[in-house]
Amino acid sequence: MLDNRPPLTDPQRTTVEFARRDLTDARAADLATLPAASLILLIERLRSSLDDILSVIEETAPL
């Protein structure tokens, strides 16, 4: 199968890697044992990662 996606720039690859790490950390966390403040920080981190990934998609998606 041919991959006709444009290559990612170094900053875009870094953004994707950080988002993957944030998601991996969230999946590994025992959410039931986290205090409320930690849950809020985790959610904010995931929201920020999602926003960053959507920006990368907008930059690389064909119009």
C-alpha atoms as a PDB file:
ATOM      1  CA  MET A   1       0.000   0.000   0.000  1.00  0.00           C
ATOM      2  CA  LEU A   2       1.382   3.376  -0.986  1.00  0.00           C
ATOM      3  CA  ASP A   3       1.640   6.047   1.650  1.00  0.00           C
ATOM      4  CA  ASN A   4       0.955   9.391   0.013  1.00  0.00           C
ATOM      5  CA  ARG A   5       0.917  11.405   3.233  1.00  0.00           C
ATOM      6  CA  PRO A   6       3.371  14.288   3.352  1.00  0.00           C
ATOM      7  CA  PRO A   7       6.352  13.703   5.626  1.00  0.00           C
ATOM      8  CA  LEU A   8       6.164  15.332   9.020  1.00  0.00           C
ATOM      9  CA  THR A   9       8.603  18.033   9.990  1.00  0.00           C
ATOM     10  CA  ASP A  10      10.761  17.551  13.080  1.00  0.00           C
ATOM     11  CA  PRO A  11       8.497  19.784  15.223  1.00  0.00           C
ATOM     12  CA  GLN A  12       5.418  17.886  14.010  1.00  0.00           C
ATOM     13  CA  ARG A  13       7.034  14.536  14.841  1.00  0.00           C
ATOM     14  CA  THR A  14       7.920  15.862  18.288  1.00  0.00           C
ATOM     15  CA  THR A  15       4.320  16.993  18.826  1.00  0.00           C
ATOM     16  CA  VAL A  16       3.011  13.558  17.877  1.00  0.00           C
ATOM     17  CA  GLU A  17       5.527  11.821  20.142  1.00  0.00           C
ATOM     18  CA  PHE A  18       4.608  13.994  23.142  1.00  0.00           C
ATOM     19  CA  ALA A  19       0.913  13.330  22.539  1.00  0.00           C
ATOM     20  CA  ARG A  20       1.591   9.579  22.392  1.00  0.00           C
ATOM     21  CA  ARG A  21       3.493   9.760  25.690  1.00  0.00           C
ATOM     22  CA  ASP A  22       0.707  11.744  27.348  1.00  0.00           C
ATOM     23  CA  LEU A  23      -1.845   9.181  26.216  1.00  0.00           C
ATOM     24  CA  THR A  24       0.341   6.277  27.335  1.00  0.00           C
ATOM     25  CA  ASP A  25       0.786   7.906  30.752  1.00  0.00           C
ATOM     26  CA  ALA A  26      -2.970   8.463  31.073  1.00  0.00           C
ATOM     27  CA  ARG A  27      -3.702   4.855  30.135  1.00  0.00           C
ATOM     28  CA  ALA A  28      -1.153   3.582  32.654  1.00  0.00           C
ATOM     29  CA  ALA A  29      -2.468   5.726  35.510  1.00  0.00           C
ATOM     30  CA  ASP A  30      -4.845   4.214  38.013  1.00  0.00           C
ATOM     31  CA  LEU A  31      -7.406   6.966  37.660  1.00  0.00           C
ATOM     32  CA  ALA A  32      -9.454   5.751  40.610  1.00  0.00           C
ATOM     33  CA  THR A  33      -6.574   6.433  42.987  1.00  0.00           C
ATOM     34  CA  LEU A  34      -5.548   9.859  41.682  1.00  0.00           C
ATOM     35  CA  PRO A  35      -6.556  12.901  43.698  1.00  0.00           C
ATOM     36  CA  ALA A  36      -8.870  15.398  42.017  1.00  0.00           C
ATOM     37  CA  ALA A  37      -6.074  17.904  41.366  1.00  0.00           C
ATOM     38  CA  SER A  38      -4.022  15.265  39.541  1.00  0.00           C
ATOM     39  CA  LEU A  39      -7.009  14.261  37.433  1.00  0.00           C
ATOM     40  CA  ILE A  40      -7.570  17.875  36.435  1.00  0.00           C
ATOM     41  CA  LEU A  41      -3.915  18.242  35.422  1.00  0.00           C
ATOM     42  CA  LEU A  42      -4.075  14.998  33.448  1.00  0.00           C
ATOM     43  CA  ILE A  43      -7.199  16.122  31.602  1.00  0.00           C
ATOM     44  CA  GLU A  44      -5.648  19.497  30.820  1.00  0.00           C
ATOM     45  CA  ARG A  45      -2.524  17.799  29.496  1.00  0.00           C
ATOM     46  CA  LEU A  46      -4.626  15.556  27.252  1.00  0.00           C
ATOM     47  CA  ARG A  47      -6.681  18.513  26.030  1.00  0.00           C
ATOM     48  CA  SER A  48      -3.504  20.371  25.145  1.00  0.00           C
ATOM     49  CA  SER A  49      -2.121  17.317  23.332  1.00  0.00           C
ATOM     50  CA  LEU A  50      -5.353  16.934  21.380  1.00  0.00           C
ATOM     51  CA  ASP A  51      -5.201  20.583  20.338  1.00  0.00           C
ATOM     52  CA  ASP A  52      -1.580  20.149  19.231  1.00  0.00           C
ATOM     53  CA  ILE A  53      -2.406  17.033  17.204  1.00  0.00           C
ATOM     54  CA  LEU A  54      -5.342  18.753  15.531  1.00  0.00           C
ATOM     55  CA  SER A  55      -2.961  21.533  14.503  1.00  0.00           C
ATOM     56  CA  VAL A  56      -0.590  18.980  12.967  1.00  0.00           C
ATOM     57  CA  ILE A  57      -3.516  17.417  11.087  1.00  0.00           C
ATOM     58  CA  GLU A  58      -4.582  20.811   9.767  1.00  0.00           C
ATOM     59  CA  GLU A  59      -1.016  21.511   8.637  1.00  0.00           C
ATOM     60  CA  THR A  60      -0.630  18.218   6.803  1.00  0.00           C
ATOM     61  CA  ALA A  61      -4.137  17.439   5.528  1.00  0.00           C
ATOM     62  CA  PRO A  62      -4.795  18.192   1.872  1.00  0.00           C
ATOM     63  CA  LEU A  63      -7.260  20.996   1.277  1.00  0.00           C
END
